[in-house]
Amino acid sequence: YEAQFKLHAIRYAEKHGNRAAAREFSINESMVHKWRKLENELRQVKKTQLCFRRHKARWPELEDRLEQWVNKQRTAGRSVSTPLRCFTGTFYNPVRLLYVLNTK
């Protein structure tokens, strides 16, 4: 979520409580709680930044190549869905993914 959205949810939670904010914005109450703890940091970043995401990429170069491949396939009018990637084994196997990226 963008920082602006998180700050909006925080303001709502300050007036109505975490549970009400969670219902209003269709998010988990625990997210509201975490965001309230990070409020000062959220105010210091760009409003459109997707900030404080937890996991960094395990294989950043591979993920960049995958993104390029998916974009190329979609530009060519081919659909690339999660079930298709799972079926071919490329979604979970980085070695197979490299093979697929190099052959298609």
PDB file of N, CA and C in Angstrom:
ATOM      1  N   TYR A   1       0.834  -1.190   0.000  1.00  0.00           N
ATOM      2  CA  TYR A   1       0.000   0.000   0.000  1.00  0.00           C
ATOM      3  C   TYR A   1       0.874   1.246   0.000  1.00  0.00           C
ATOM      4  N   GLU A   2       0.379   2.304  -0.604  1.00  0.00           N
ATOM      5  CA  GLU A   2       1.120   3.555  -0.644  1.00  0.00           C
ATOM      6  C   GLU A   2       1.098   4.221   0.725  1.00  0.00           C
ATOM      7  N   ALA A   3       2.114   5.050   0.968  1.00  0.00           N
ATOM      8  CA  ALA A   3       2.227   5.741   2.250  1.00  0.00           C
ATOM      9  C   ALA A   3       0.997   6.603   2.519  1.00  0.00           C
ATOM     10  N   GLN A   4       0.474   7.239   1.494  1.00  0.00           N
ATOM     11  CA  GLN A   4      -0.702   8.099   1.656  1.00  0.00           C
ATOM     12  C   GLN A   4      -1.900   7.293   2.159  1.00  0.00           C
ATOM     13  N   PHE A   5      -2.098   6.102   1.606  1.00  0.00           N
ATOM     14  CA  PHE A   5      -3.192   5.231   2.038  1.00  0.00           C
ATOM     15  C   PHE A   5      -3.006   4.832   3.501  1.00  0.00           C
ATOM     16  N   LYS A   6      -1.782   4.492   3.857  1.00  0.00           N
ATOM     17  CA  LYS A   6      -1.497   4.079   5.234  1.00  0.00           C
ATOM     18  C   LYS A   6      -1.760   5.222   6.213  1.00  0.00           C
ATOM     19  N   LEU A   7      -1.340   6.428   5.842  1.00  0.00           N
ATOM     20  CA  LEU A   7      -1.567   7.584   6.716  1.00  0.00           C
ATOM     21  C   LEU A   7      -3.056   7.886   6.851  1.00  0.00           C
ATOM     22  N   HIS A   8      -3.797   7.696   5.783  1.00  0.00           N
ATOM     23  CA  HIS A   8      -5.249   7.908   5.834  1.00  0.00           C
ATOM     24  C   HIS A   8      -5.885   6.899   6.792  1.00  0.00           C
ATOM     25  N   ALA A   9      -5.439   5.656   6.708  1.00  0.00           N
ATOM     26  CA  ALA A   9      -5.952   4.620   7.613  1.00  0.00           C
ATOM     27  C   ALA A   9      -5.576   4.931   9.061  1.00  0.00           C
ATOM     28  N   ILE A  10      -4.386   5.462   9.274  1.00  0.00           N
ATOM     29  CA  ILE A  10      -3.944   5.828  10.626  1.00  0.00           C
ATOM     30  C   ILE A  10      -4.831   6.928  11.194  1.00  0.00           C
ATOM     31  N   ARG A  11      -5.107   7.958  10.389  1.00  0.00           N
ATOM     32  CA  ARG A  11      -5.968   9.053  10.856  1.00  0.00           C
ATOM     33  C   ARG A  11      -7.355   8.533  11.226  1.00  0.00           C
ATOM     34  N   TYR A  12      -7.875   7.642  10.401  1.00  0.00           N
ATOM     35  CA  TYR A  12      -9.188   7.059  10.683  1.00  0.00           C
ATOM     36  C   TYR A  12      -9.132   6.250  11.978  1.00  0.00           C
ATOM     37  N   ALA A  13      -8.051   5.491  12.161  1.00  0.00           N
ATOM     38  CA  ALA A  13      -7.902   4.658  13.360  1.00  0.00           C
ATOM     39  C   ALA A  13      -7.782   5.502  14.619  1.00  0.00           C
ATOM     40  N   GLU A  14      -7.152   6.663  14.515  1.00  0.00           N
ATOM     41  CA  GLU A  14      -7.027   7.538  15.680  1.00  0.00           C
ATOM     42  C   GLU A  14      -8.391   8.025  16.152  1.00  0.00           C
ATOM     43  N   LYS A  15      -9.312   8.213  15.225  1.00  0.00           N
ATOM     44  CA  LYS A  15     -10.649   8.686  15.582  1.00  0.00           C
ATOM     45  C   LYS A  15     -11.594   7.556  15.967  1.00  0.00           C
ATOM     46  N   HIS A  16     -11.493   6.419  15.268  1.00  0.00           N
ATOM     47  CA  HIS A  16     -12.493   5.361  15.419  1.00  0.00           C
ATOM     48  C   HIS A  16     -11.953   4.042  15.962  1.00  0.00           C
ATOM     49  N   GLY A  17     -10.631   3.912  16.046  1.00  0.00           N
ATOM     50  CA  GLY A  17     -10.035   2.670  16.538  1.00  0.00           C
ATOM     51  C   GLY A  17      -9.497   1.793  15.411  1.00  0.00           C
ATOM     52  N   ASN A  18      -8.577   0.902  15.779  1.00  0.00           N
ATOM     53  CA  ASN A  18      -7.925   0.044  14.787  1.00  0.00           C
ATOM     54  C   ASN A  18      -8.906  -0.893  14.089  1.00  0.00           C
ATOM     55  N   ARG A  19      -9.804  -1.493  14.856  1.00  0.00           N
ATOM     56  CA  ARG A  19     -10.738  -2.457  14.274  1.00  0.00           C
ATOM     57  C   ARG A  19     -11.659  -1.785  13.260  1.00  0.00           C
ATOM     58  N   ALA A  20     -12.157  -0.608  13.600  1.00  0.00           N
ATOM     59  CA  ALA A  20     -13.039   0.117  12.677  1.00  0.00           C
ATOM     60  C   ALA A  20     -12.279   0.527  11.413  1.00  0.00           C
ATOM     61  N   ALA A  21     -11.027   0.939  11.575  1.00  0.00           N
ATOM     62  CA  ALA A  21     -10.216   1.310  10.410  1.00  0.00           C
ATOM     63  C   ALA A  21      -9.973   0.095   9.519  1.00  0.00           C
ATOM     64  N   ALA A  22      -9.728  -1.040  10.138  1.00  0.00           N
ATOM     65  CA  ALA A  22      -9.510  -2.265   9.365  1.00  0.00           C
ATOM     66  C   ALA A  22     -10.748  -2.611   8.545  1.00  0.00           C
ATOM     67  N   ARG A  23     -11.912  -2.493   9.152  1.00  0.00           N
ATOM     68  CA  ARG A  23     -13.161  -2.763   8.421  1.00  0.00           C
ATOM     69  C   ARG A  23     -13.376  -1.745   7.306  1.00  0.00           C
ATOM     70  N   GLU A  24     -13.135  -0.487   7.602  1.00  0.00           N
ATOM     71  CA  GLU A  24     -13.368   0.588   6.637  1.00  0.00           C
ATOM     72  C   GLU A  24     -12.486   0.444   5.395  1.00  0.00           C
ATOM     73  N   PHE A  25     -11.229   0.042   5.590  1.00  0.00           N
ATOM     74  CA  PHE A  25     -10.278  -0.028   4.482  1.00  0.00           C
ATOM     75  C   PHE A  25     -10.036  -1.451   3.979  1.00  0.00           C
ATOM     76  N   SER A  26     -10.790  -2.404   4.511  1.00  0.00           N
ATOM     77  CA  SER A  26     -10.681  -3.814   4.099  1.00  0.00           C
ATOM     78  C   SER A  26      -9.256  -4.347   4.234  1.00  0.00           C
ATOM     79  N   ILE A  27      -8.689  -4.136   5.409  1.00  0.00           N
ATOM     80  CA  ILE A  27      -7.346  -4.632   5.708  1.00  0.00           C
ATOM     81  C   ILE A  27      -7.379  -5.318   7.067  1.00  0.00           C
ATOM     82  N   ASN A  28      -6.281  -5.976   7.421  1.00  0.00           N
ATOM     83  CA  ASN A  28      -6.195  -6.621   8.725  1.00  0.00           C
ATOM     84  C   ASN A  28      -5.956  -5.593   9.823  1.00  0.00           C
ATOM     85  N   GLU A  29      -6.519  -5.855  10.969  1.00  0.00           N
ATOM     86  CA  GLU A  29      -6.319  -4.956  12.108  1.00  0.00           C
ATOM     87  C   GLU A  29      -4.843  -4.869  12.478  1.00  0.00           C
ATOM     88  N   SER A  30      -4.119  -5.977  12.325  1.00  0.00           N
ATOM     89  CA  SER A  30      -2.695  -5.976  12.669  1.00  0.00           C
ATOM     90  C   SER A  30      -1.908  -5.026  11.768  1.00  0.00           C
ATOM     91  N   MET A  31      -2.359  -4.854  10.518  1.00  0.00           N
ATOM     92  CA  MET A  31      -1.685  -3.918   9.622  1.00  0.00           C
ATOM     93  C   MET A  31      -1.842  -2.491  10.130  1.00  0.00           C
ATOM     94  N   VAL A  32      -3.033  -2.164  10.572  1.00  0.00           N
ATOM     95  CA  VAL A  32      -3.275  -0.820  11.110  1.00  0.00           C
ATOM     96  C   VAL A  32      -2.372  -0.594  12.319  1.00  0.00           C
ATOM     97  N   HIS A  33      -2.280  -1.591  13.171  1.00  0.00           N
ATOM     98  CA  HIS A  33      -1.446  -1.496  14.372  1.00  0.00           C
ATOM     99  C   HIS A  33       0.022  -1.250  13.985  1.00  0.00           C
ATOM    100  N   LYS A  34       0.529  -2.004  13.015  1.00  0.00           N
ATOM    101  CA  LYS A  34       1.923  -1.833  12.569  1.00  0.00           C
ATOM    102  C   LYS A  34       2.132  -0.461  11.952  1.00  0.00           C
ATOM    103  N   TRP A  35       1.177  -0.032  11.132  1.00  0.00           N
ATOM    104  CA  TRP A  35       1.311   1.266  10.485  1.00  0.00           C
ATOM    105  C   TRP A  35       1.315   2.391  11.501  1.00  0.00           C
ATOM    106  N   ARG A  36       0.527   2.260  12.558  1.00  0.00           N
ATOM    107  CA  ARG A  36       0.504   3.308  13.585  1.00  0.00           C
ATOM    108  C   ARG A  36       1.864   3.410  14.266  1.00  0.00           C
ATOM    109  N   LYS A  37       2.540   2.290  14.428  1.00  0.00           N
ATOM    110  CA  LYS A  37       3.887   2.309  15.007  1.00  0.00           C
ATOM    111  C   LYS A  37       4.879   3.002  14.073  1.00  0.00           C
ATOM    112  N   LEU A  38       4.639   2.906  12.767  1.00  0.00           N
ATOM    113  CA  LEU A  38       5.547   3.472  11.768  1.00  0.00           C
ATOM    114  C   LEU A  38       5.124   4.856  11.283  1.00  0.00           C
ATOM    115  N   GLU A  39       4.203   5.483  11.970  1.00  0.00           N
ATOM    116  CA  GLU A  39       3.623   6.738  11.485  1.00  0.00           C
ATOM    117  C   GLU A  39       4.675   7.804  11.192  1.00  0.00           C
ATOM    118  N   ASN A  40       5.638   7.997  12.073  1.00  0.00           N
ATOM    119  CA  ASN A  40       6.656   9.035  11.847  1.00  0.00           C
ATOM    120  C   ASN A  40       7.460   8.763  10.579  1.00  0.00           C
ATOM    121  N   GLU A  41       7.836   7.504  10.369  1.00  0.00           N
ATOM    122  CA  GLU A  41       8.583   7.155   9.166  1.00  0.00           C
ATOM    123  C   GLU A  41       7.725   7.341   7.913  1.00  0.00           C
ATOM    124  N   LEU A  42       6.444   7.004   8.013  1.00  0.00           N
ATOM    125  CA  LEU A  42       5.541   7.147   6.868  1.00  0.00           C
ATOM    126  C   LEU A  42       5.383   8.604   6.457  1.00  0.00           C
ATOM    127  N   ARG A  43       5.428   9.502   7.411  1.00  0.00           N
ATOM    128  CA  ARG A  43       5.279  10.927   7.104  1.00  0.00           C
ATOM    129  C   ARG A  43       6.503  11.487   6.375  1.00  0.00           C
ATOM    130  N   GLN A  44       7.629  10.783   6.454  1.00  0.00           N
ATOM    131  CA  GLN A  44       8.868  11.290   5.864  1.00  0.00           C
ATOM    132  C   GLN A  44       9.130  10.780   4.446  1.00  0.00           C
ATOM    133  N   VAL A  45       8.328   9.846   3.963  1.00  0.00           N
ATOM    134  CA  VAL A  45       8.551   9.314   2.617  1.00  0.00           C
ATOM    135  C   VAL A  45       7.561   9.940   1.638  1.00  0.00           C
ATOM    136  N   LYS A  46       7.820   9.747   0.336  1.00  0.00           N
ATOM    137  CA  LYS A  46       6.883  10.238  -0.680  1.00  0.00           C
ATOM    138  C   LYS A  46       5.538   9.558  -0.482  1.00  0.00           C
ATOM    139  N   LYS A  47       4.478  10.292  -0.722  1.00  0.00           N
ATOM    140  CA  LYS A  47       3.129   9.774  -0.478  1.00  0.00           C
ATOM    141  C   LYS A  47       2.783   8.592  -1.373  1.00  0.00           C
ATOM    142  N   THR A  48       3.407   8.521  -2.542  1.00  0.00           N
ATOM    143  CA  THR A  48       3.088   7.434  -3.472  1.00  0.00           C
ATOM    144  C   THR A  48       4.029   6.240  -3.338  1.00  0.00           C
ATOM    145  N   GLN A  49       4.987   6.335  -2.427  1.00  0.00           N
ATOM    146  CA  GLN A  49       5.952   5.246  -2.271  1.00  0.00           C
ATOM    147  C   GLN A  49       5.306   4.027  -1.620  1.00  0.00           C
ATOM    148  N   LEU A  50       5.582   2.870  -2.191  1.00  0.00           N
ATOM    149  CA  LEU A  50       5.172   1.612  -1.574  1.00  0.00           C
ATOM    150  C   LEU A  50       6.271   1.272  -0.581  1.00  0.00           C
ATOM    151  N   CYS A  51       6.052   1.623   0.669  1.00  0.00           N
ATOM    152  CA  CYS A  51       7.151   1.579   1.612  1.00  0.00           C
ATOM    153  C   CYS A  51       7.001   0.492   2.660  1.00  0.00           C
ATOM    154  N   PHE A  52       8.143   0.172   3.249  1.00  0.00           N
ATOM    155  CA  PHE A  52       8.247  -0.773   4.358  1.00  0.00           C
ATOM    156  C   PHE A  52       7.735  -2.154   3.972  1.00  0.00           C
ATOM    157  N   ARG A  53       8.081  -2.566   2.774  1.00  0.00           N
ATOM    158  CA  ARG A  53       7.754  -3.926   2.363  1.00  0.00           C
ATOM    159  C   ARG A  53       8.799  -4.831   2.981  1.00  0.00           C
ATOM    160  N   ARG A  54       8.407  -5.995   3.347  1.00  0.00           N
ATOM    161  CA  ARG A  54       9.267  -6.845   4.153  1.00  0.00           C
ATOM    162  C   ARG A  54      10.344  -7.605   3.386  1.00  0.00           C
ATOM    163  N   HIS A  55       9.967  -8.364   2.382  1.00  0.00           N
ATOM    164  CA  HIS A  55      10.896  -9.307   1.781  1.00  0.00           C
ATOM    165  C   HIS A  55      11.565  -8.724   0.543  1.00  0.00           C
ATOM    166  N   LYS A  56      12.893  -8.817   0.521  1.00  0.00           N
ATOM    167  CA  LYS A  56      13.628  -8.423  -0.665  1.00  0.00           C
ATOM    168  C   LYS A  56      13.682  -9.627  -1.600  1.00  0.00           C
ATOM    169  N   ALA A  57      13.953  -9.368  -2.838  1.00  0.00           N
ATOM    170  CA  ALA A  57      14.014 -10.440  -3.819  1.00  0.00           C
ATOM    171  C   ALA A  57      15.154 -11.399  -3.492  1.00  0.00           C
ATOM    172  N   ARG A  58      14.878 -12.695  -3.629  1.00  0.00           N
ATOM    173  CA  ARG A  58      15.922 -13.692  -3.394  1.00  0.00           C
ATOM    174  C   ARG A  58      16.890 -13.725  -4.564  1.00  0.00           C
ATOM    175  N   TRP A  59      16.362 -13.558  -5.780  1.00  0.00           N
ATOM    176  CA  TRP A  59      17.164 -13.559  -6.997  1.00  0.00           C
ATOM    177  C   TRP A  59      16.790 -12.321  -7.807  1.00  0.00           C
ATOM    178  N   PRO A  60      17.317 -11.148  -7.462  1.00  0.00           N
ATOM    179  CA  PRO A  60      16.874  -9.916  -8.125  1.00  0.00           C
ATOM    180  C   PRO A  60      17.101  -9.915  -9.636  1.00  0.00           C
ATOM    181  N   GLU A  61      18.249 -10.420 -10.101  1.00  0.00           N
ATOM    182  CA  GLU A  61      18.507 -10.428 -11.544  1.00  0.00           C
ATOM    183  C   GLU A  61      17.524 -11.346 -12.260  1.00  0.00           C
ATOM    184  N   LEU A  62      17.260 -12.488 -11.658  1.00  0.00           N
ATOM    185  CA  LEU A  62      16.321 -13.443 -12.238  1.00  0.00           C
ATOM    186  C   LEU A  62      14.914 -12.848 -12.295  1.00  0.00           C
ATOM    187  N   GLU A  63      14.530 -12.157 -11.236  1.00  0.00           N
ATOM    188  CA  GLU A  63      13.206 -11.547 -11.212  1.00  0.00           C
ATOM    189  C   GLU A  63      13.089 -10.423 -12.236  1.00  0.00           C
ATOM    190  N   ASP A  64      14.176  -9.692 -12.464  1.00  0.00           N
ATOM    191  CA  ASP A  64      14.162  -8.663 -13.509  1.00  0.00           C
ATOM    192  C   ASP A  64      13.981  -9.298 -14.884  1.00  0.00           C
ATOM    193  N   ARG A  65      14.698 -10.398 -15.121  1.00  0.00           N
ATOM    194  CA  ARG A  65      14.569 -11.100 -16.405  1.00  0.00           C
ATOM    195  C   ARG A  65      13.167 -11.656 -16.573  1.00  0.00           C
ATOM    196  N   LEU A  66      12.597 -12.177 -15.485  1.00  0.00           N
ATOM    197  CA  LEU A  66      11.236 -12.706 -15.546  1.00  0.00           C
ATOM    198  C   LEU A  66      10.247 -11.597 -15.894  1.00  0.00           C
ATOM    199  N   GLU A  67      10.416 -10.449 -15.274  1.00  0.00           N
ATOM    200  CA  GLU A  67       9.523  -9.324 -15.570  1.00  0.00           C
ATOM    201  C   GLU A  67       9.621  -8.921 -17.039  1.00  0.00           C
ATOM    202  N   GLN A  68      10.845  -8.870 -17.563  1.00  0.00           N
ATOM    203  CA  GLN A  68      11.029  -8.530 -18.975  1.00  0.00           C
ATOM    204  C   GLN A  68      10.365  -9.569 -19.875  1.00  0.00           C
ATOM    205  N   TRP A  69      10.528 -10.848 -19.520  1.00  0.00           N
ATOM    206  CA  TRP A  69       9.938 -11.928 -20.311  1.00  0.00           C
ATOM    207  C   TRP A  69       8.413 -11.842 -20.305  1.00  0.00           C
ATOM    208  N   VAL A  70       7.830 -11.638 -19.129  1.00  0.00           N
ATOM    209  CA  VAL A  70       6.372 -11.532 -19.026  1.00  0.00           C
ATOM    210  C   VAL A  70       5.872 -10.350 -19.851  1.00  0.00           C
ATOM    211  N   ASN A  71       6.551  -9.214 -19.740  1.00  0.00           N
ATOM    212  CA  ASN A  71       6.147  -8.040 -20.524  1.00  0.00           C
ATOM    213  C   ASN A  71       6.246  -8.308 -22.022  1.00  0.00           C
ATOM    214  N   LYS A  72       7.316  -9.005 -22.432  1.00  0.00           N
ATOM    215  CA  LYS A  72       7.493  -9.345 -23.847  1.00  0.00           C
ATOM    216  C   LYS A  72       6.369 -10.266 -24.327  1.00  0.00           C
ATOM    217  N   GLN A  73       6.020 -11.260 -23.514  1.00  0.00           N
ATOM    218  CA  GLN A  73       4.955 -12.189 -23.887  1.00  0.00           C
ATOM    219  C   GLN A  73       3.615 -11.458 -23.997  1.00  0.00           C
ATOM    220  N   ARG A  74       3.345 -10.584 -23.069  1.00  0.00           N
ATOM    221  CA  ARG A  74       2.077  -9.846 -23.084  1.00  0.00           C
ATOM    222  C   ARG A  74       2.016  -8.872 -24.255  1.00  0.00           C
ATOM    223  N   THR A  75       3.158  -8.251 -24.579  1.00  0.00           N
ATOM    224  CA  THR A  75       3.209  -7.357 -25.733  1.00  0.00           C
ATOM    225  C   THR A  75       2.911  -8.121 -27.018  1.00  0.00           C
ATOM    226  N   ALA A  76       3.364  -9.377 -27.062  1.00  0.00           N
ATOM    227  CA  ALA A  76       3.125 -10.224 -28.235  1.00  0.00           C
ATOM    228  C   ALA A  76       1.713 -10.800 -28.249  1.00  0.00           C
ATOM    229  N   GLY A  77       0.898 -10.461 -27.251  1.00  0.00           N
ATOM    230  CA  GLY A  77      -0.486 -10.909 -27.211  1.00  0.00           C
ATOM    231  C   GLY A  77      -0.693 -12.253 -26.540  1.00  0.00           C
ATOM    232  N   ARG A  78       0.342 -12.765 -25.890  1.00  0.00           N
ATOM    233  CA  ARG A  78       0.213 -14.044 -25.190  1.00  0.00           C
ATOM    234  C   ARG A  78      -0.125 -13.778 -23.729  1.00  0.00           C
ATOM    235  N   SER A  79      -0.966 -14.630 -23.172  1.00  0.00           N
ATOM    236  CA  SER A  79      -1.282 -14.467 -21.752  1.00  0.00           C
ATOM    237  C   SER A  79      -0.274 -15.253 -20.922  1.00  0.00           C
ATOM    238  N   VAL A  80       0.100 -14.695 -19.801  1.00  0.00           N
ATOM    239  CA  VAL A  80       1.032 -15.353 -18.888  1.00  0.00           C
ATOM    240  C   VAL A  80       0.368 -15.341 -17.524  1.00  0.00           C
ATOM    241  N   SER A  81      -0.186 -16.476 -17.154  1.00  0.00           N
ATOM    242  CA  SER A  81      -0.912 -16.548 -15.895  1.00  0.00           C
ATOM    243  C   SER A  81      -0.128 -17.362 -14.877  1.00  0.00           C
ATOM    244  N   THR A  82      -0.463 -17.190 -13.619  1.00  0.00           N
ATOM    245  CA  THR A  82       0.188 -17.951 -12.554  1.00  0.00           C
ATOM    246  C   THR A  82       0.010 -19.451 -12.746  1.00  0.00           C
ATOM    247  N   PRO A  83      -1.196 -19.952 -13.068  1.00  0.00           N
ATOM    248  CA  PRO A  83      -1.319 -21.403 -13.287  1.00  0.00           C
ATOM    249  C   PRO A  83      -0.412 -21.916 -14.404  1.00  0.00           C
ATOM    250  N   LEU A  84      -0.239 -21.115 -15.470  1.00  0.00           N
ATOM    251  CA  LEU A  84       0.646 -21.519 -16.551  1.00  0.00           C
ATOM    252  C   LEU A  84       2.084 -21.621 -16.055  1.00  0.00           C
ATOM    253  N   ARG A  85       2.529 -20.640 -15.289  1.00  0.00           N
ATOM    254  CA  ARG A  85       3.893 -20.683 -14.758  1.00  0.00           C
ATOM    255  C   ARG A  85       4.063 -21.855 -13.803  1.00  0.00           C
ATOM    256  N   CYS A  86       3.045 -22.126 -12.991  1.00  0.00           N
ATOM    257  CA  CYS A  86       3.123 -23.262 -12.068  1.00  0.00           C
ATOM    258  C   CYS A  86       3.155 -24.573 -12.840  1.00  0.00           C
ATOM    259  N   PHE A  87       2.348 -24.673 -13.897  1.00  0.00           N
ATOM    260  CA  PHE A  87       2.280 -25.897 -14.695  1.00  0.00           C
ATOM    261  C   PHE A  87       3.632 -26.206 -15.332  1.00  0.00           C
ATOM    262  N   THR A  88       4.299 -25.189 -15.844  1.00  0.00           N
ATOM    263  CA  THR A  88       5.585 -25.412 -16.499  1.00  0.00           C
ATOM    264  C   THR A  88       6.716 -25.552 -15.492  1.00  0.00           C
ATOM    265  N   GLY A  89       6.432 -25.304 -14.237  1.00  0.00           N
ATOM    266  CA  GLY A  89       7.455 -25.442 -13.211  1.00  0.00           C
ATOM    267  C   GLY A  89       8.349 -24.233 -13.080  1.00  0.00           C
ATOM    268  N   THR A  90       8.077 -23.196 -13.858  1.00  0.00           N
ATOM    269  CA  THR A  90       8.964 -22.038 -13.835  1.00  0.00           C
ATOM    270  C   THR A  90       8.750 -21.162 -12.622  1.00  0.00           C
ATOM    271  N   PHE A  91       7.587 -21.270 -12.024  1.00  0.00           N
ATOM    272  CA  PHE A  91       7.272 -20.380 -10.907  1.00  0.00           C
ATOM    273  C   PHE A  91       8.105 -20.707  -9.672  1.00  0.00           C
ATOM    274  N   TYR A  92       8.440 -21.985  -9.487  1.00  0.00           N
ATOM    275  CA  TYR A  92       9.112 -22.394  -8.257  1.00  0.00           C
ATOM    276  C   TYR A  92      10.562 -22.818  -8.460  1.00  0.00           C
ATOM    277  N   ASN A  93      10.996 -23.013  -9.693  1.00  0.00           N
ATOM    278  CA  ASN A  93      12.316 -23.545  -9.945  1.00  0.00           C
ATOM    279  C   ASN A  93      13.157 -22.521 -10.707  1.00  0.00           C
ATOM    280  N   PRO A  94      14.103 -21.862 -10.036  1.00  0.00           N
ATOM    281  CA  PRO A  94      14.871 -20.811 -10.707  1.00  0.00           C
ATOM    282  C   PRO A  94      15.722 -21.324 -11.860  1.00  0.00           C
ATOM    283  N   VAL A  95      16.234 -22.558 -11.777  1.00  0.00           N
ATOM    284  CA  VAL A  95      17.048 -23.100 -12.865  1.00  0.00           C
ATOM    285  C   VAL A  95      16.179 -23.309 -14.104  1.00  0.00           C
ATOM    286  N   ARG A  96      14.997 -23.894 -13.913  1.00  0.00           N
ATOM    287  CA  ARG A  96      14.077 -24.104 -15.037  1.00  0.00           C
ATOM    288  C   ARG A  96      13.615 -22.760 -15.590  1.00  0.00           C
ATOM    289  N   LEU A  97      13.413 -21.800 -14.726  1.00  0.00           N
ATOM    290  CA  LEU A  97      12.993 -20.476 -15.170  1.00  0.00           C
ATOM    291  C   LEU A  97      14.043 -19.864 -16.088  1.00  0.00           C
ATOM    292  N   LEU A  98      15.313 -19.977 -15.723  1.00  0.00           N
ATOM    293  CA  LEU A  98      16.376 -19.459 -16.588  1.00  0.00           C
ATOM    294  C   LEU A  98      16.346 -20.143 -17.949  1.00  0.00           C
ATOM    295  N   TYR A  99      16.114 -21.452 -17.957  1.00  0.00           N
ATOM    296  CA  TYR A  99      16.028 -22.190 -19.218  1.00  0.00           C
ATOM    297  C   TYR A  99      14.884 -21.651 -20.078  1.00  0.00           C
ATOM    298  N   VAL A 100      13.723 -21.478 -19.479  1.00  0.00           N
ATOM    299  CA  VAL A 100      12.561 -20.986 -20.219  1.00  0.00           C
ATOM    300  C   VAL A 100      12.813 -19.581 -20.743  1.00  0.00           C
ATOM    301  N   LEU A 101      13.414 -18.728 -19.937  1.00  0.00           N
ATOM    302  CA  LEU A 101      13.678 -17.352 -20.364  1.00  0.00           C
ATOM    303  C   LEU A 101      14.652 -17.313 -21.537  1.00  0.00           C
ATOM    304  N   ASN A 102      15.575 -18.258 -21.576  1.00  0.00           N
ATOM    305  CA  ASN A 102      16.575 -18.268 -22.641  1.00  0.00           C
ATOM    306  C   ASN A 102      16.087 -18.937 -23.917  1.00  0.00           C
ATOM    307  N   THR A 103      15.016 -19.725 -23.841  1.00  0.00           N
ATOM    308  CA  THR A 103      14.557 -20.452 -25.022  1.00  0.00           C
ATOM    309  C   THR A 103      13.337 -19.835 -25.679  1.00  0.00           C
ATOM    310  N   LYS A 104      12.634 -18.969 -25.020  1.00  0.00           N
ATOM    311  CA  LYS A 104      11.400 -18.426 -25.610  1.00  0.00           C
ATOM    312  C   LYS A 104      11.561 -16.972 -25.947  1.00  0.00           C
TER     313      LYS A 104
END
